[in-house]
């Protein structure tokens, strides 16, 4: 039997690189996938690709920074796909600037998307998991949370907060048979990384520097992250909770 057979999974930021790869991976393993994204067209493209491959998926427009939008999308998911077994909080946004060159409006947007959005999703989905005494949550943070990253101070702060939040909820909900774990991508070949690079003086040089710094000699790909996320969200990880895994090609090695 496939690991996600007849289970329902939500993936936020599902229309993007890591999110799309994760949606496809979970669907290939039997999940009914709710593709959440602000960009409904991108979400529908991922969902249609899954359906064309014989899987089950539905696209939902969701602004994770807006609690009403989250509640509506979660309710629609349950109505159309069933109770939520797995939640993958993947949506994120970044701006690449030294902290003293950032502005408070940028802080607000970074915090809203990278931290408050995840809080909204947990608060909307966890009650159902608690009621059923079963659930898997995988939060996508960043190695910036573990070791810092120049030019990403507020982003790193948000992702560090997400790590601490995950560990706390892992303790609070262990008695409900709900596990919560974190996957931390290193530099990954996504639109988000391309957008970050655009803020640098020399984008190509920045990408080259990232690549050279990775011991395995390449940027991460969406499928690299999807594999780790799929593991944490499955019964294979039923005795793992409150843990943080770097998927960075060896760029960061934390024991």
Protein backbone atom coordinates (compact mmCIF):
# COMPACT_ATOMS: atom_id res chain seq x y z
CA UNK A 1 0.00 0.00 0.00
CA UNK A 2 1.17 3.53 -0.76
CA UNK A 3 2.11 5.57 2.31
CA UNK A 4 -0.59 8.20 1.76
CA UNK A 5 -3.37 5.98 0.43
CA UNK A 6 -6.79 7.62 1.04
CA UNK A 7 -5.27 10.41 3.13
CA UNK A 8 -5.85 14.12 2.63
CA UNK A 9 -2.89 16.50 2.58
CA UNK A 10 -2.72 20.29 2.39
CA UNK A 11 0.38 21.91 0.93
CA UNK A 12 0.65 25.70 1.20
CA UNK A 13 2.59 27.45 -1.53
CA UNK A 14 1.65 24.42 -3.59
CA UNK A 15 1.95 26.25 -6.89
CA UNK A 16 5.68 26.90 -6.45
CA UNK A 17 8.86 24.87 -6.85
CA UNK A 18 9.14 23.00 -3.56
CA UNK A 19 5.38 23.07 -3.00
CA UNK A 20 4.56 21.73 -6.45
CA UNK A 21 7.12 18.95 -6.15
CA UNK A 22 5.69 18.04 -2.75
CA UNK A 23 2.13 17.96 -4.07
CA UNK A 24 3.17 15.66 -6.89
CA UNK A 25 5.12 13.38 -4.54
CA UNK A 26 2.27 13.03 -2.03
CA UNK A 27 -0.23 12.42 -4.82
CA UNK A 28 2.02 9.74 -6.34
CA UNK A 29 1.95 8.04 -2.94
CA UNK A 30 -1.84 8.02 -2.85
CA UNK A 31 -2.80 11.31 -1.17
CA UNK A 32 -5.74 13.50 -2.04
CA UNK A 33 -3.85 16.78 -2.29
CA UNK A 34 -5.21 20.26 -1.57
CA UNK A 35 -2.95 22.68 -3.44
CA UNK A 36 -3.10 25.98 -1.53
CA UNK A 37 -1.65 29.09 -3.14
CA UNK A 38 -2.32 32.80 -3.50
CA UNK A 39 -1.93 32.27 -7.24
CA UNK A 40 -4.91 30.09 -8.14
CA UNK A 41 -3.70 29.66 -11.72
CA UNK A 42 -0.38 28.22 -10.51
CA UNK A 43 -2.18 25.98 -8.02
CA UNK A 44 -4.59 24.72 -10.67
CA UNK A 45 -1.69 23.95 -13.02
CA UNK A 46 -0.14 21.69 -10.36
CA UNK A 47 -3.49 20.10 -9.52
CA UNK A 48 -4.30 19.45 -13.18
CA UNK A 49 -0.90 17.85 -13.72
CA UNK A 50 -1.60 15.50 -10.82
CA UNK A 51 -5.03 14.62 -12.18
CA UNK A 52 -3.59 14.03 -15.65
CA UNK A 53 -1.16 11.55 -14.06
CA UNK A 54 -4.05 9.68 -12.44
CA UNK A 55 -3.84 11.28 -9.01
CA UNK A 56 -6.31 13.27 -6.94
CA UNK A 57 -5.84 16.98 -6.34
CA UNK A 58 -7.84 20.17 -5.99
CA UNK A 59 -6.59 23.75 -6.16
CA UNK A 60 -7.65 26.33 -3.59
CA UNK A 61 -6.83 30.02 -3.50
CA UNK A 62 -5.62 30.83 0.00
CA UNK A 63 -3.98 33.89 1.49
CA UNK A 64 -2.33 32.38 4.56
CA UNK A 65 -1.91 35.83 6.12
CA UNK A 66 -5.72 36.25 6.19
CA UNK A 67 -7.40 34.02 8.77
CA UNK A 68 -10.78 34.22 7.03
CA UNK A 69 -9.18 33.03 3.79
CA UNK A 70 -7.46 30.17 5.63
CA UNK A 71 -10.66 29.07 7.39
CA UNK A 72 -12.62 29.11 4.13
CA UNK A 73 -9.98 27.11 2.22
CA UNK A 74 -9.64 24.55 5.01
CA UNK A 75 -13.43 24.14 5.21
CA UNK A 76 -13.63 23.68 1.43
CA UNK A 77 -10.85 21.11 1.55
CA UNK A 78 -12.62 19.05 4.20
CA UNK A 79 -15.89 19.25 2.28
CA UNK A 80 -14.32 18.16 -1.01
CA UNK A 81 -11.45 15.87 0.02
CA UNK A 82 -12.17 14.79 3.60
CA UNK A 83 -10.55 15.32 7.02
CA UNK A 84 -6.96 16.56 6.91
CA UNK A 85 -4.31 13.98 7.76
CA UNK A 86 -1.18 15.91 6.76
CA UNK A 87 -0.40 19.62 6.69
CA UNK A 88 2.69 20.93 4.94
CA UNK A 89 3.37 24.60 5.69
CA UNK A 90 5.62 25.50 2.79
CA UNK A 91 4.56 28.97 1.62
CA UNK A 92 7.22 31.62 2.10
CA UNK A 93 8.66 34.90 0.87
CA UNK A 94 11.98 36.67 1.26
CA UNK A 95 13.80 39.87 0.41
CA UNK A 96 17.60 39.91 0.22
CA UNK A 97 18.93 43.05 1.91
CA UNK A 98 21.22 43.93 4.81
CA UNK A 99 18.99 44.53 7.82
CA UNK A 100 19.74 48.28 8.07
CA UNK A 101 18.57 48.74 4.49
CA UNK A 102 15.20 47.09 5.10
CA UNK A 103 12.03 48.96 5.99
CA UNK A 104 9.30 48.20 8.49
CA UNK A 105 6.79 47.47 5.74
CA UNK A 106 9.06 44.68 4.52
CA UNK A 107 9.31 43.32 8.08
CA UNK A 108 5.52 43.22 8.30
CA UNK A 109 5.21 41.28 5.04
CA UNK A 110 8.00 38.85 5.97
CA UNK A 111 6.49 38.15 9.38
CA UNK A 112 2.96 37.85 8.01
CA UNK A 113 3.88 35.29 5.35
CA UNK A 114 6.67 33.33 7.02
CA UNK A 115 5.40 33.17 10.59
CA UNK A 116 1.83 34.39 11.07
CA UNK A 117 0.67 32.46 8.00
CA UNK A 118 1.91 29.22 9.52
CA UNK A 119 0.24 30.08 12.83
CA UNK A 120 -3.05 30.61 11.00
CA UNK A 121 -2.76 27.25 9.26
CA UNK A 122 -1.94 25.38 12.47
CA UNK A 123 -4.79 27.04 14.34
CA UNK A 124 -7.26 26.11 11.59
CA UNK A 125 -6.15 22.51 11.04
CA UNK A 126 -5.01 21.26 14.45
CA UNK A 127 -8.46 21.07 16.11
CA UNK A 128 -9.59 18.40 13.67
CA UNK A 129 -6.41 16.43 14.20
CA UNK A 130 -6.81 16.68 17.97
CA UNK A 131 -10.40 15.47 17.71
CA UNK A 132 -9.33 12.44 15.66
CA UNK A 133 -6.13 11.96 17.72
CA UNK A 134 -4.07 11.65 14.57
CA UNK A 135 -2.08 13.94 12.30
CA UNK A 136 1.22 14.89 10.72
CA UNK A 137 2.49 18.44 10.29
CA UNK A 138 5.65 19.32 8.39
CA UNK A 139 6.89 22.89 8.52
CA UNK A 140 9.32 24.14 5.91
CA UNK A 141 11.73 26.58 7.54
CA UNK A 142 15.25 27.36 6.30
CA UNK A 143 18.84 26.73 7.22
CA UNK A 144 18.91 30.50 7.76
CA UNK A 145 17.06 29.66 10.98
CA UNK A 146 19.84 27.34 12.10
CA UNK A 147 23.01 29.21 11.16
CA UNK A 148 21.91 32.70 10.06
CA UNK A 149 22.24 34.15 6.58
CA UNK A 150 23.58 37.57 5.65
CA UNK A 151 20.90 39.66 3.97
CA UNK A 152 18.05 37.61 5.43
CA UNK A 153 17.84 38.80 9.03
CA UNK A 154 14.05 39.10 9.39
CA UNK A 155 13.41 36.01 7.27
CA UNK A 156 15.82 34.05 9.46
CA UNK A 157 14.09 35.38 12.57
CA UNK A 158 10.72 34.18 11.26
CA UNK A 159 12.04 30.76 10.35
CA UNK A 160 13.81 30.47 13.70
CA UNK A 161 10.49 31.27 15.34
CA UNK A 162 8.82 28.57 13.25
CA UNK A 163 11.35 26.01 14.47
CA UNK A 164 10.71 26.93 18.12
CA UNK A 165 6.96 26.97 17.53
CA UNK A 166 7.09 23.51 15.97
CA UNK A 167 9.03 22.03 18.87
CA UNK A 168 6.57 23.52 21.36
CA UNK A 169 3.51 22.18 19.56
CA UNK A 170 5.22 18.81 19.19
CA UNK A 171 5.33 18.68 23.00
CA UNK A 172 1.79 19.96 23.46
CA UNK A 173 0.22 17.53 20.99
CA UNK A 174 2.26 14.37 21.42
CA UNK A 175 -0.54 13.00 23.60
CA UNK A 176 -2.90 13.40 20.65
CA UNK A 177 -0.69 11.25 18.40
CA UNK A 178 0.16 14.31 16.29
CA UNK A 179 3.74 14.73 15.12
CA UNK A 180 5.32 18.01 14.04
CA UNK A 181 8.70 18.26 12.35
CA UNK A 182 10.72 20.78 10.38
CA UNK A 183 12.53 20.55 7.06
CA UNK A 184 15.15 23.24 6.47
CA UNK A 185 16.10 23.77 2.83
CA UNK A 186 19.48 25.11 1.90
CA UNK A 187 19.83 27.03 -1.39
CA UNK A 188 17.21 25.51 -3.68
CA UNK A 189 16.57 26.20 -7.35
CA UNK A 190 13.19 27.91 -7.04
CA UNK A 191 11.52 31.17 -8.02
CA UNK A 192 12.03 32.33 -4.42
CA UNK A 193 15.81 31.94 -4.73
CA UNK A 194 15.75 33.72 -8.08
CA UNK A 195 13.83 36.57 -6.47
CA UNK A 196 16.31 36.74 -3.61
CA UNK A 197 19.20 36.82 -6.06
CA UNK A 198 17.62 39.73 -7.93
CA UNK A 199 18.10 41.84 -4.83
CA UNK A 200 21.85 41.26 -4.89
CA UNK A 201 24.33 43.47 -6.72
CA UNK A 202 25.35 40.55 -8.95
CA UNK A 203 22.67 37.83 -9.03
CA UNK A 204 24.67 35.39 -11.16
CA UNK A 205 27.69 35.69 -8.88
CA UNK A 206 25.49 35.06 -5.83
CA UNK A 207 24.00 31.88 -7.33
CA UNK A 208 27.48 30.72 -8.31
CA UNK A 209 28.74 31.36 -4.78
CA UNK A 210 25.82 29.39 -3.30
CA UNK A 211 26.55 26.47 -5.63
CA UNK A 212 30.27 26.40 -4.92
CA UNK A 213 29.64 26.46 -1.17
CA UNK A 214 27.54 23.28 -1.28
CA UNK A 215 29.69 20.17 -0.75
CA UNK A 216 27.53 18.09 -3.11
CA UNK A 217 28.20 20.68 -5.81
CA UNK A 218 24.70 21.70 -6.88
CA UNK A 219 21.66 23.65 -5.80
CA UNK A 220 18.81 21.72 -4.22
CA UNK A 221 15.84 20.78 -6.37
CA UNK A 222 12.19 20.66 -5.43
CA UNK A 223 12.20 16.87 -5.45
CA UNK A 224 15.04 16.82 -2.90
CA UNK A 225 12.82 18.63 -0.41
CA UNK A 226 9.69 16.71 -1.37
CA UNK A 227 11.36 13.43 -0.39
CA UNK A 228 12.15 14.67 3.11
CA UNK A 229 8.72 16.23 3.55
CA UNK A 230 6.99 13.05 2.38
CA UNK A 231 8.98 11.04 4.92
CA UNK A 232 8.06 13.26 7.87
CA UNK A 233 4.40 13.29 6.85
CA UNK A 234 4.17 9.51 6.59
CA UNK A 235 3.76 6.69 9.09
CA UNK A 236 7.44 5.87 8.52
CA UNK A 237 8.11 8.85 10.82
CA UNK A 238 5.45 7.98 13.41
CA UNK A 239 8.02 7.94 16.24
CA UNK A 240 9.74 11.18 15.20
CA UNK A 241 8.52 14.54 16.46
CA UNK A 242 10.00 17.94 17.23
CA UNK A 243 12.96 17.33 14.93
CA UNK A 244 14.72 19.57 12.40
CA UNK A 245 16.33 18.22 9.24
CA UNK A 246 18.59 20.21 6.92
CA UNK A 247 18.28 19.36 3.24
CA UNK A 248 21.18 21.41 2.00
CA UNK A 249 23.65 19.20 0.15
CA UNK A 250 25.92 19.39 3.18
CA UNK A 251 26.11 23.18 3.29
CA UNK A 252 25.06 23.05 6.92
CA UNK A 253 25.95 20.11 9.14
CA UNK A 254 24.26 20.35 12.51
CA UNK A 255 24.44 17.55 15.04
